[in-house]
Amino acid sequence: MPKSTSITSTELLQQVAALQRQAEELKRKETPGVVARIKEAIAFYGMTAADLGLGAATGRKAKTPKSPKDSPAKKSAAGKRPSVIKYRDSQGHTWSGRGRRPEWFKDALSSGTSEESLRVGPQAG
C-alpha cells in the first residue's frame, strides 16, 4: 500500500504554533521602527494622546502639562462624557437638561415659549 502524504492534526497544530512564533518574532523586530514612524507622525501633526483616543482606550489619562489654570473642577470633569444637548433656542443657546435651568431657558418659558418647542430632536406629543 502506498504511504499516505496526508498531515495529521497534531502536525498541523505544530506548524500553526511555529508560524505564530515566527509572526511574534517578526512583530517584535518591527516594533521599534513602527513606534518611530508613529512618533514622527504624531510630532509632525502636533497630536496628543487625547486626539488619538488613547486616554480612555488604555484606561489611563493622557499626560498633559500642568498649568496654574487647571482647577479641581476641570480635572474631575475630564473623565466624564460630554452632555448631549437637549434644548436649544433660536439664538444658539443650548442646555443638556442637567443641573440648574439656565437664565435663557427660564426667560423663554416665562415669555410663553413651551419647553417642548425648545427640545432638540423629535418633538414629544
N, C-alpha and C. Protein backbone atom coordinates (compact mmCIF):
# COMPACT_ATOMS: atom_id res chain seq x y z
N MET A 1 0.83 -1.16 0.00
CA MET A 1 0.00 0.00 0.00
C MET A 1 0.89 1.25 0.00
N PRO A 2 0.58 2.27 -0.83
CA PRO A 2 1.42 3.46 -0.87
C PRO A 2 1.29 4.25 0.43
N LYS A 3 2.37 4.90 0.78
CA LYS A 3 2.41 5.70 2.01
C LYS A 3 1.56 6.96 1.83
N SER A 4 0.72 7.27 2.82
CA SER A 4 -0.15 8.45 2.76
C SER A 4 0.67 9.71 2.98
N THR A 5 0.36 10.74 2.21
CA THR A 5 1.04 12.03 2.38
C THR A 5 0.19 13.01 3.16
N SER A 6 -0.91 12.55 3.74
CA SER A 6 -1.77 13.46 4.49
C SER A 6 -1.11 13.82 5.81
N ILE A 7 -1.44 15.00 6.28
CA ILE A 7 -0.85 15.51 7.51
C ILE A 7 -1.84 15.27 8.65
N THR A 8 -1.32 14.99 9.81
CA THR A 8 -2.19 14.76 10.96
C THR A 8 -2.54 16.10 11.62
N SER A 9 -3.57 16.07 12.41
CA SER A 9 -3.97 17.30 13.09
C SER A 9 -2.88 17.77 14.06
N THR A 10 -2.18 16.86 14.67
CA THR A 10 -1.10 17.22 15.59
C THR A 10 0.01 17.94 14.84
N GLU A 11 0.38 17.41 13.68
CA GLU A 11 1.42 18.05 12.88
C GLU A 11 0.98 19.44 12.41
N LEU A 12 -0.27 19.54 12.04
CA LEU A 12 -0.80 20.82 11.60
C LEU A 12 -0.78 21.84 12.74
N LEU A 13 -1.16 21.43 13.94
CA LEU A 13 -1.13 22.32 15.10
C LEU A 13 0.30 22.74 15.43
N GLN A 14 1.26 21.84 15.24
CA GLN A 14 2.67 22.18 15.47
C GLN A 14 3.13 23.23 14.46
N GLN A 15 2.68 23.08 13.21
CA GLN A 15 3.03 24.06 12.19
C GLN A 15 2.42 25.43 12.50
N VAL A 16 1.17 25.41 12.96
CA VAL A 16 0.49 26.65 13.34
C VAL A 16 1.25 27.33 14.47
N ALA A 17 1.64 26.58 15.47
CA ALA A 17 2.39 27.13 16.61
C ALA A 17 3.72 27.71 16.15
N ALA A 18 4.40 27.01 15.25
CA ALA A 18 5.69 27.51 14.74
C ALA A 18 5.48 28.81 13.97
N LEU A 19 4.44 28.89 13.16
CA LEU A 19 4.15 30.11 12.41
C LEU A 19 3.78 31.26 13.34
N GLN A 20 3.04 30.96 14.41
CA GLN A 20 2.69 32.00 15.37
C GLN A 20 3.94 32.55 16.06
N ARG A 21 4.87 31.64 16.38
CA ARG A 21 6.14 32.09 16.99
C ARG A 21 6.90 32.98 16.02
N GLN A 22 6.94 32.59 14.74
CA GLN A 22 7.63 33.39 13.73
C GLN A 22 6.97 34.76 13.59
N ALA A 23 5.64 34.80 13.60
CA ALA A 23 4.92 36.06 13.47
C ALA A 23 5.21 36.97 14.67
N GLU A 24 5.23 36.41 15.87
CA GLU A 24 5.52 37.19 17.07
C GLU A 24 6.95 37.73 17.03
N GLU A 25 7.89 36.93 16.59
CA GLU A 25 9.28 37.36 16.49
C GLU A 25 9.41 38.50 15.48
N LEU A 26 8.75 38.36 14.34
CA LEU A 26 8.78 39.41 13.32
C LEU A 26 8.15 40.69 13.86
N LYS A 27 7.04 40.57 14.56
CA LYS A 27 6.38 41.74 15.14
C LYS A 27 7.30 42.42 16.16
N ARG A 28 8.00 41.61 16.97
CA ARG A 28 8.92 42.15 17.97
C ARG A 28 10.05 42.93 17.30
N LYS A 29 10.55 42.41 16.18
CA LYS A 29 11.63 43.09 15.46
C LYS A 29 11.16 44.37 14.76
N GLU A 30 9.92 44.36 14.28
CA GLU A 30 9.39 45.52 13.55
C GLU A 30 8.91 46.64 14.47
N THR A 31 8.61 46.32 15.72
CA THR A 31 8.00 47.29 16.64
C THR A 31 8.79 48.59 16.77
N PRO A 32 10.12 48.57 16.98
CA PRO A 32 10.82 49.85 17.13
C PRO A 32 10.65 50.78 15.92
N GLY A 33 10.69 50.23 14.72
CA GLY A 33 10.51 51.06 13.53
C GLY A 33 9.10 51.61 13.42
N VAL A 34 8.12 50.80 13.77
CA VAL A 34 6.73 51.24 13.74
C VAL A 34 6.52 52.36 14.75
N VAL A 35 7.04 52.18 15.96
CA VAL A 35 6.91 53.19 17.00
C VAL A 35 7.57 54.49 16.56
N ALA A 36 8.74 54.40 15.95
CA ALA A 36 9.44 55.60 15.48
C ALA A 36 8.61 56.34 14.43
N ARG A 37 8.00 55.60 13.50
CA ARG A 37 7.18 56.24 12.47
C ARG A 37 5.93 56.88 13.08
N ILE A 38 5.34 56.21 14.05
CA ILE A 38 4.16 56.77 14.72
C ILE A 38 4.53 58.05 15.46
N LYS A 39 5.63 58.02 16.21
CA LYS A 39 6.07 59.20 16.94
C LYS A 39 6.36 60.36 16.00
N GLU A 40 6.96 60.06 14.87
CA GLU A 40 7.26 61.09 13.88
C GLU A 40 5.98 61.73 13.36
N ALA A 41 4.98 60.92 13.05
CA ALA A 41 3.71 61.44 12.56
C ALA A 41 3.00 62.25 13.64
N ILE A 42 3.03 61.78 14.88
CA ILE A 42 2.39 62.49 15.99
C ILE A 42 3.04 63.86 16.17
N ALA A 43 4.38 63.89 16.13
CA ALA A 43 5.09 65.16 16.28
C ALA A 43 4.79 66.09 15.11
N PHE A 44 4.78 65.56 13.90
CA PHE A 44 4.54 66.37 12.71
C PHE A 44 3.17 67.02 12.77
N TYR A 45 2.14 66.27 13.18
CA TYR A 45 0.78 66.79 13.21
C TYR A 45 0.42 67.43 14.55
N GLY A 46 1.33 67.40 15.51
CA GLY A 46 1.07 68.02 16.81
C GLY A 46 -0.06 67.38 17.57
N MET A 47 -0.17 66.07 17.48
CA MET A 47 -1.27 65.35 18.12
C MET A 47 -0.95 64.99 19.56
N THR A 48 -2.03 64.81 20.35
CA THR A 48 -1.89 64.38 21.74
C THR A 48 -2.51 63.00 21.89
N ALA A 49 -2.30 62.40 23.05
CA ALA A 49 -2.90 61.10 23.32
C ALA A 49 -4.42 61.21 23.28
N ALA A 50 -4.96 62.33 23.72
CA ALA A 50 -6.41 62.53 23.69
C ALA A 50 -6.91 62.57 22.24
N ASP A 51 -6.13 63.21 21.34
CA ASP A 51 -6.51 63.24 19.92
C ASP A 51 -6.61 61.83 19.36
N LEU A 52 -5.77 60.96 19.85
CA LEU A 52 -5.74 59.59 19.35
C LEU A 52 -6.72 58.68 20.09
N GLY A 53 -7.39 59.21 21.09
CA GLY A 53 -8.35 58.42 21.84
C GLY A 53 -7.69 57.43 22.77
N LEU A 54 -6.47 57.72 23.18
CA LEU A 54 -5.73 56.76 23.99
C LEU A 54 -6.03 56.86 25.47
N GLY A 55 -6.49 58.00 25.95
CA GLY A 55 -6.76 58.15 27.38
C GLY A 55 -7.79 57.15 27.87
N ALA A 56 -8.91 57.01 27.16
CA ALA A 56 -9.98 56.11 27.57
C ALA A 56 -9.69 54.68 27.14
N ALA A 57 -9.04 54.51 26.00
CA ALA A 57 -8.83 53.16 25.47
C ALA A 57 -7.88 52.35 26.34
N THR A 58 -6.90 53.00 26.94
CA THR A 58 -5.93 52.27 27.74
C THR A 58 -6.28 52.27 29.21
N GLY A 59 -7.31 53.03 29.57
CA GLY A 59 -7.68 53.12 30.97
C GLY A 59 -6.82 54.12 31.72
N ARG A 60 -5.92 54.80 30.98
CA ARG A 60 -5.07 55.81 31.60
C ARG A 60 -5.40 57.16 31.00
N LYS A 61 -5.27 58.20 31.80
CA LYS A 61 -5.48 59.54 31.28
C LYS A 61 -4.21 59.99 30.57
N ALA A 62 -4.39 60.77 29.52
CA ALA A 62 -3.25 61.30 28.79
C ALA A 62 -2.50 62.27 29.69
N LYS A 63 -1.17 62.26 29.62
CA LYS A 63 -0.38 63.20 30.39
C LYS A 63 -0.43 64.55 29.71
N THR A 64 -0.81 65.55 30.48
CA THR A 64 -0.85 66.90 29.95
C THR A 64 -0.01 67.78 30.84
N PRO A 65 0.58 68.82 30.28
CA PRO A 65 1.39 69.71 31.11
C PRO A 65 0.53 70.37 32.17
N LYS A 66 1.07 70.50 33.37
CA LYS A 66 0.36 71.16 34.46
C LYS A 66 0.42 72.67 34.23
N SER A 67 -0.69 73.33 34.48
CA SER A 67 -0.69 74.78 34.37
C SER A 67 -1.47 75.35 35.54
N PRO A 68 -1.21 76.59 35.90
CA PRO A 68 -1.92 77.19 37.02
C PRO A 68 -3.42 77.31 36.75
N LYS A 69 -3.82 77.28 35.48
CA LYS A 69 -5.23 77.40 35.15
C LYS A 69 -6.02 76.16 35.52
N ASP A 70 -5.33 75.01 35.66
CA ASP A 70 -6.03 73.76 35.99
C ASP A 70 -6.68 73.88 37.35
N SER A 71 -7.97 73.64 37.40
CA SER A 71 -8.68 73.69 38.67
C SER A 71 -9.19 72.30 38.98
N PRO A 72 -9.49 72.02 40.25
CA PRO A 72 -10.04 70.71 40.60
C PRO A 72 -11.31 70.39 39.84
N ALA A 73 -12.13 71.41 39.55
CA ALA A 73 -13.37 71.17 38.82
C ALA A 73 -13.07 70.68 37.41
N LYS A 74 -12.07 71.27 36.76
CA LYS A 74 -11.71 70.85 35.42
C LYS A 74 -11.17 69.43 35.42
N LYS A 75 -10.37 69.10 36.43
CA LYS A 75 -9.78 67.77 36.50
C LYS A 75 -10.85 66.71 36.72
N SER A 76 -11.85 66.99 37.55
CA SER A 76 -12.87 65.99 37.83
C SER A 76 -13.79 65.79 36.63
N ALA A 77 -13.97 66.81 35.82
CA ALA A 77 -14.84 66.70 34.66
C ALA A 77 -14.13 66.07 33.47
N ALA A 78 -12.81 65.93 33.53
CA ALA A 78 -12.05 65.44 32.39
C ALA A 78 -12.43 64.02 32.00
N GLY A 79 -12.80 63.17 32.94
CA GLY A 79 -13.10 61.79 32.62
C GLY A 79 -14.56 61.55 32.24
N LYS A 80 -15.38 62.59 32.31
CA LYS A 80 -16.80 62.43 32.02
C LYS A 80 -17.07 62.62 30.53
N ARG A 81 -18.12 61.96 30.07
CA ARG A 81 -18.55 62.14 28.69
C ARG A 81 -19.27 63.48 28.56
N PRO A 82 -19.16 64.13 27.41
CA PRO A 82 -19.87 65.40 27.24
C PRO A 82 -21.37 65.17 27.25
N SER A 83 -22.09 66.16 27.76
CA SER A 83 -23.54 66.06 27.82
C SER A 83 -24.14 66.22 26.43
N VAL A 84 -25.26 65.56 26.22
CA VAL A 84 -25.98 65.68 24.97
C VAL A 84 -26.89 66.90 25.07
N ILE A 85 -26.93 67.70 24.02
CA ILE A 85 -27.77 68.89 24.03
C ILE A 85 -29.23 68.45 23.86
N LYS A 86 -30.07 68.87 24.82
CA LYS A 86 -31.49 68.52 24.77
C LYS A 86 -32.37 69.71 24.43
N TYR A 87 -31.89 70.93 24.70
CA TYR A 87 -32.68 72.13 24.45
C TYR A 87 -31.82 73.16 23.72
N ARG A 88 -32.45 73.88 22.78
CA ARG A 88 -31.76 74.92 22.03
C ARG A 88 -32.77 75.99 21.66
N ASP A 89 -32.33 77.26 21.71
CA ASP A 89 -33.22 78.33 21.27
C ASP A 89 -32.73 78.89 19.95
N SER A 90 -33.47 79.85 19.41
CA SER A 90 -33.15 80.42 18.09
C SER A 90 -31.87 81.25 18.12
N GLN A 91 -31.41 81.65 19.30
CA GLN A 91 -30.18 82.44 19.41
C GLN A 91 -28.95 81.56 19.60
N GLY A 92 -29.13 80.25 19.61
CA GLY A 92 -28.00 79.34 19.73
C GLY A 92 -27.66 78.89 21.13
N HIS A 93 -28.43 79.35 22.12
CA HIS A 93 -28.20 78.88 23.49
C HIS A 93 -28.56 77.40 23.57
N THR A 94 -27.78 76.66 24.32
CA THR A 94 -28.05 75.23 24.48
C THR A 94 -28.01 74.84 25.95
N TRP A 95 -28.68 73.72 26.25
CA TRP A 95 -28.68 73.18 27.60
C TRP A 95 -28.90 71.68 27.51
N SER A 96 -28.19 70.94 28.35
CA SER A 96 -28.26 69.48 28.34
C SER A 96 -29.46 68.95 29.11
N GLY A 97 -30.10 69.80 29.89
CA GLY A 97 -31.20 69.34 30.73
C GLY A 97 -30.71 68.91 32.09
N ARG A 98 -29.42 69.00 32.30
CA ARG A 98 -28.83 68.65 33.60
C ARG A 98 -28.54 69.92 34.38
N GLY A 99 -28.62 69.81 35.70
CA GLY A 99 -28.29 70.95 36.55
C GLY A 99 -29.38 72.00 36.53
N ARG A 100 -29.04 73.20 37.00
CA ARG A 100 -30.00 74.29 37.07
C ARG A 100 -30.41 74.74 35.67
N ARG A 101 -31.62 75.19 35.57
CA ARG A 101 -32.08 75.75 34.30
C ARG A 101 -31.34 77.06 34.04
N PRO A 102 -30.80 77.21 32.84
CA PRO A 102 -30.10 78.46 32.55
C PRO A 102 -31.10 79.63 32.41
N GLU A 103 -30.59 80.83 32.57
CA GLU A 103 -31.46 82.02 32.50
C GLU A 103 -32.20 82.11 31.18
N TRP A 104 -31.51 81.83 30.08
CA TRP A 104 -32.18 81.94 28.77
C TRP A 104 -33.38 80.99 28.69
N PHE A 105 -33.25 79.82 29.33
CA PHE A 105 -34.33 78.83 29.32
C PHE A 105 -35.50 79.33 30.16
N LYS A 106 -35.19 79.84 31.35
CA LYS A 106 -36.24 80.39 32.22
C LYS A 106 -36.94 81.57 31.55
N ASP A 107 -36.15 82.44 30.91
CA ASP A 107 -36.73 83.61 30.23
C ASP A 107 -37.66 83.18 29.10
N ALA A 108 -37.25 82.16 28.35
CA ALA A 108 -38.08 81.67 27.24
C ALA A 108 -39.40 81.11 27.76
N LEU A 109 -39.34 80.36 28.85
CA LEU A 109 -40.56 79.79 29.43
C LEU A 109 -41.48 80.89 29.95
N SER A 110 -40.89 81.90 30.60
CA SER A 110 -41.72 82.98 31.16
C SER A 110 -42.32 83.86 30.07
N SER A 111 -41.71 83.86 28.87
CA SER A 111 -42.27 84.65 27.76
C SER A 111 -43.30 83.86 26.96
N GLY A 112 -43.60 82.63 27.40
CA GLY A 112 -44.65 81.86 26.75
C GLY A 112 -44.17 80.75 25.84
N THR A 113 -42.88 80.61 25.65
CA THR A 113 -42.36 79.52 24.82
C THR A 113 -42.49 78.21 25.59
N SER A 114 -42.91 77.17 24.90
CA SER A 114 -43.07 75.89 25.59
C SER A 114 -41.73 75.15 25.66
N GLU A 115 -41.61 74.35 26.69
CA GLU A 115 -40.41 73.53 26.85
C GLU A 115 -40.23 72.61 25.64
N GLU A 116 -41.32 72.06 25.16
CA GLU A 116 -41.26 71.14 24.01
C GLU A 116 -40.75 71.82 22.75
N SER A 117 -41.06 73.09 22.57
CA SER A 117 -40.59 73.78 21.36
C SER A 117 -39.09 74.05 21.41
N LEU A 118 -38.50 74.02 22.60
CA LEU A 118 -37.05 74.21 22.74
C LEU A 118 -36.29 72.89 22.66
N ARG A 119 -37.02 71.79 22.74
CA ARG A 119 -36.39 70.47 22.74
C ARG A 119 -35.74 70.18 21.40
N VAL A 120 -34.53 69.62 21.43
CA VAL A 120 -33.82 69.23 20.21
C VAL A 120 -34.26 67.83 19.82
N GLY A 121 -34.45 67.58 18.54
CA GLY A 121 -34.81 66.25 18.08
C GLY A 121 -36.31 66.10 17.96
N PRO A 122 -36.79 64.84 17.94
CA PRO A 122 -38.22 64.59 17.77
C PRO A 122 -39.02 65.26 18.89
N GLN A 123 -40.05 65.95 18.51
CA GLN A 123 -40.91 66.63 19.48
C GLN A 123 -41.85 65.63 20.13
N ALA A 124 -41.97 65.72 21.43
CA ALA A 124 -42.88 64.81 22.15
C ALA A 124 -44.29 65.35 22.06
N GLY A 125 -45.24 64.43 21.92
CA GLY A 125 -46.65 64.71 21.97
C GLY A 125 -47.12 65.69 21.00
